[in-house]
Structures are given as structure tokens and as C-alpha cells.
């Protein structure tokens, strides 16, 4: 049971969002949702007995790993000072998925705000652009791969393993998983 609890904890930490018991069982390669539910109950108790800053929240069939309210003030400052806001990260994730990507496609998918995201990403040297007809071709730079500690071939391999076209959150998770 300890190994199952450790796998669940690793998945909860990695996804960083609420996740269903079924999805958690699938990601942990556990065939029984009941086993996941039992392990989660034990993990919740473990976290309650720890004198730490994290807690596990259960709500019906959904679970998430969260920061205890007493420590949220510490993260608020960090999150507001992040180099890339969430929407810029999502634009970067889409560019990484399509690499190379046409700027016109990114704008079509992300909206006009993506022009600002692209400018910021170019300023930070995560992407380059070159003229391609009436639009621009966006490519990831070596700084992107160094910064996120991702090997180019492995990133593309992870994207290719996804059966369907992933949503932005899945792309972010793949990039974070490689980090």
C-alpha cells in the first residue's frame, strides 16, 4: 500500500490540479478505483498527522494536493512575480506542441492577446520567428530546452505518445513532467 500511496502522491504533485479517482487510477496504473480510494484515505490521514504545509483535499470523486491556508501568503508573492503568466505559458505550450508553429495559427487558437505573449516569449528568447509568407514561423530556441531542462527529441516523443490532440493543460503537464 505504501508504494501505491507514493505513486498517488507523485501524480498529485505533478498534475497540480484536481483530478478524478478514475484518472488517478489510470495514471498510477492501478486497475481498481477502490484501491485508489483506500490509499487516498490513508494518505489524507498521513498528511493530517504531518506537521507540514501541504494537505490533500477530497471532494466527492475528486482529489487535489493543496497548500494549507496558513501558508498561502508565501506563495501569493511568488506567483505574482513569475516570469510568465498563465496565458503566456499556455501560448508557449501550444508553440512547443506544434514546433514549428505558424503565428497565424497560434493567434487563431489563442486570440489577439497571443501577440503580446509571442512578443514576451521572443524577448525572453524562448522562441524565434522568421517570415513565412504573410505570417511568421515560430520555433523553440535552445534556451527553451535548457530552461525547462527538456531534450528536444524526448519532448516530441512525449507529444507523439498522446493519442488525441492534447489540450493546453496536457501540454503543460508533459513539459513539466520532463523538467
Protein backbone atom coordinates (compact mmCIF):
# COMPACT_ATOMS: atom_id res chain seq x y z
CA UNK A 1 0.00 0.00 0.00
CA UNK A 2 2.96 2.32 0.67
CA UNK A 3 4.03 2.14 -2.99
CA UNK A 4 0.50 2.99 -4.14
CA UNK A 5 0.36 5.97 -1.77
CA UNK A 6 3.74 7.16 -3.09
CA UNK A 7 2.55 6.87 -6.71
CA UNK A 8 -0.64 8.78 -5.89
CA UNK A 9 1.35 11.48 -4.12
CA UNK A 10 3.72 11.81 -7.09
CA UNK A 11 0.83 12.15 -9.54
CA UNK A 12 -0.99 14.71 -7.38
CA UNK A 13 2.18 16.78 -7.09
CA UNK A 14 2.91 16.59 -10.81
CA UNK A 15 -0.54 17.42 -12.19
CA UNK A 16 -1.05 20.32 -9.78
CA UNK A 17 -4.81 20.35 -10.30
CA UNK A 18 -7.89 18.49 -9.04
CA UNK A 19 -8.08 15.00 -10.55
CA UNK A 20 -10.78 12.31 -10.51
CA UNK A 21 -10.21 8.98 -8.80
CA UNK A 22 -10.59 7.23 -12.18
CA UNK A 23 -7.96 9.44 -13.83
CA UNK A 24 -5.66 8.97 -10.85
CA UNK A 25 -6.05 5.17 -11.02
CA UNK A 26 -5.25 5.26 -14.73
CA UNK A 27 -2.17 7.48 -14.31
CA UNK A 28 -0.92 5.27 -11.46
CA UNK A 29 -1.55 2.09 -13.50
CA UNK A 30 -3.90 0.77 -10.82
CA UNK A 31 -6.90 -1.19 -12.12
CA UNK A 32 -9.13 -0.63 -9.11
CA UNK A 33 -10.63 2.73 -8.14
CA UNK A 34 -11.42 1.15 -4.75
CA UNK A 35 -7.72 0.58 -4.05
CA UNK A 36 -7.03 4.21 -5.01
CA UNK A 37 -9.84 5.39 -2.71
CA UNK A 38 -8.45 3.33 0.21
CA UNK A 39 -4.89 4.57 -0.40
CA UNK A 40 -6.14 8.15 -0.62
CA UNK A 41 -7.91 7.84 2.74
CA UNK A 42 -4.64 6.65 4.31
CA UNK A 43 -2.70 9.41 2.55
CA UNK A 44 -5.17 12.04 3.84
CA UNK A 45 -4.59 10.74 7.38
CA UNK A 46 -0.81 10.78 6.84
CA UNK A 47 -0.99 14.43 5.78
CA UNK A 48 -3.23 15.33 8.74
CA UNK A 49 -0.67 13.80 11.12
CA UNK A 50 2.29 15.58 9.48
CA UNK A 51 3.31 18.99 10.61
CA UNK A 52 3.73 20.23 7.02
CA UNK A 53 2.47 22.91 4.68
CA UNK A 54 0.54 20.59 2.36
CA UNK A 55 -2.85 18.93 2.60
CA UNK A 56 -4.90 16.59 0.44
CA UNK A 57 -8.43 17.70 -0.35
CA UNK A 58 -11.12 15.16 -1.22
CA UNK A 59 -14.41 16.33 -2.72
CA UNK A 60 -16.75 13.57 -3.94
CA UNK A 61 -14.77 11.78 -6.67
CA UNK A 62 -12.06 14.47 -6.99
CA UNK A 63 -8.76 14.88 -5.13
CA UNK A 64 -6.06 17.55 -5.10
CA UNK A 65 -2.82 18.34 -3.30
CA UNK A 66 -3.01 21.87 -1.86
CA UNK A 67 -1.11 24.27 0.32
CA UNK A 68 -2.60 24.73 3.78
CA UNK A 69 -4.30 28.08 4.26
CA UNK A 70 -1.74 29.07 6.89
CA UNK A 71 0.99 29.08 4.21
CA UNK A 72 -0.82 30.55 1.20
CA UNK A 73 0.58 34.02 1.89
CA UNK A 74 4.06 32.73 0.98
CA UNK A 75 3.03 31.56 -2.46
CA UNK A 76 0.97 34.60 -3.41
CA UNK A 77 4.09 36.75 -3.77
CA UNK A 78 5.93 34.07 -5.75
CA UNK A 79 3.08 33.55 -8.17
CA UNK A 80 2.70 37.27 -8.84
CA UNK A 81 6.42 37.58 -9.61
CA UNK A 82 6.54 34.68 -12.08
CA UNK A 83 8.32 35.40 -15.37
CA UNK A 84 5.44 34.02 -17.40
CA UNK A 85 1.77 34.46 -16.58
CA UNK A 86 -0.55 31.51 -17.14
CA UNK A 87 -1.84 32.64 -20.53
CA UNK A 88 1.71 33.20 -21.83
CA UNK A 89 2.67 29.74 -20.56
CA UNK A 90 -0.32 28.28 -22.41
CA UNK A 91 0.73 30.04 -25.62
CA UNK A 92 4.28 28.72 -25.18
CA UNK A 93 2.93 25.21 -24.59
CA UNK A 94 0.97 25.41 -27.83
CA UNK A 95 4.03 26.62 -29.75
CA UNK A 96 6.06 23.78 -28.19
CA UNK A 97 3.43 21.25 -29.25
CA UNK A 98 3.30 22.47 -32.84
CA UNK A 99 7.02 23.37 -33.13
CA UNK A 100 7.49 24.94 -35.58
CA UNK A 101 4.20 26.83 -35.49
CA UNK A 102 2.67 29.46 -37.72
CA UNK A 103 1.91 32.64 -35.80
CA UNK A 104 -1.43 32.95 -37.62
CA UNK A 105 -2.50 29.52 -36.27
CA UNK A 106 -1.47 30.43 -32.73
CA UNK A 107 -3.39 33.72 -32.90
CA UNK A 108 -6.42 31.93 -34.31
CA UNK A 109 -6.34 29.42 -31.44
CA UNK A 110 -5.35 31.76 -28.59
CA UNK A 111 -6.83 35.11 -29.66
CA UNK A 112 -5.25 38.52 -30.23
CA UNK A 113 -3.68 38.54 -26.76
CA UNK A 114 -1.24 35.95 -28.08
CA UNK A 115 0.58 38.72 -29.99
CA UNK A 116 1.71 40.05 -26.59
CA UNK A 117 2.58 36.53 -25.41
CA UNK A 118 4.69 35.93 -28.52
CA UNK A 119 6.48 39.27 -28.07
CA UNK A 120 7.25 38.37 -24.43
CA UNK A 121 8.48 34.89 -25.41
CA UNK A 122 10.74 36.38 -28.09
CA UNK A 123 12.04 38.94 -25.59
CA UNK A 124 12.87 36.11 -23.16
CA UNK A 125 14.48 34.24 -26.08
CA UNK A 126 12.29 31.13 -25.69
CA UNK A 127 11.21 31.37 -29.32
CA UNK A 128 12.42 32.88 -32.58
CA UNK A 129 10.36 33.93 -35.57
CA UNK A 130 11.03 34.24 -39.26
CA UNK A 131 8.87 35.50 -42.09
CA UNK A 132 6.82 32.77 -43.76
CA UNK A 133 4.52 34.13 -46.44
CA UNK A 134 2.03 36.52 -44.85
CA UNK A 135 2.69 35.24 -41.32
CA UNK A 136 5.68 34.23 -39.22
CA UNK A 137 7.07 30.79 -38.35
CA UNK A 138 7.69 30.40 -34.61
CA UNK A 139 10.37 28.00 -33.37
CA UNK A 140 11.64 27.00 -29.95
CA UNK A 141 15.18 28.05 -29.08
CA UNK A 142 17.91 26.17 -27.27
CA UNK A 143 17.19 28.46 -24.28
CA UNK A 144 13.68 26.94 -24.07
CA UNK A 145 15.13 23.42 -23.89
CA UNK A 146 17.79 24.48 -21.36
CA UNK A 147 15.38 26.48 -19.19
CA UNK A 148 12.79 23.69 -18.99
CA UNK A 149 15.51 21.00 -18.92
CA UNK A 150 13.91 19.15 -21.83
CA UNK A 151 15.59 17.16 -24.57
CA UNK A 152 14.10 18.14 -27.94
CA UNK A 153 13.62 14.58 -29.18
CA UNK A 154 12.06 13.45 -25.90
CA UNK A 155 9.60 16.36 -25.91
CA UNK A 156 8.38 15.49 -29.40
CA UNK A 157 8.22 11.81 -28.45
CA UNK A 158 6.00 12.63 -25.45
CA UNK A 159 3.70 14.70 -27.66
CA UNK A 160 3.54 11.85 -30.20
CA UNK A 161 2.54 9.40 -27.44
CA UNK A 162 -0.64 11.37 -26.79
CA UNK A 163 -3.45 9.62 -28.70
CA UNK A 164 -5.56 12.71 -29.30
CA UNK A 165 -4.61 16.33 -29.79
CA UNK A 166 -3.95 17.38 -26.18
CA UNK A 167 -5.44 20.43 -24.59
CA UNK A 168 -3.14 23.16 -23.31
CA UNK A 169 -3.14 21.76 -19.76
CA UNK A 170 -1.92 18.36 -21.01
CA UNK A 171 0.87 20.03 -22.99
CA UNK A 172 1.94 21.97 -19.87
CA UNK A 173 1.93 18.72 -17.89
CA UNK A 174 4.13 16.98 -20.47
CA UNK A 175 6.62 19.87 -20.36
CA UNK A 176 6.53 19.88 -16.54
CA UNK A 177 6.97 16.10 -16.46
CA UNK A 178 10.17 16.43 -18.48
CA UNK A 179 11.51 19.15 -16.17
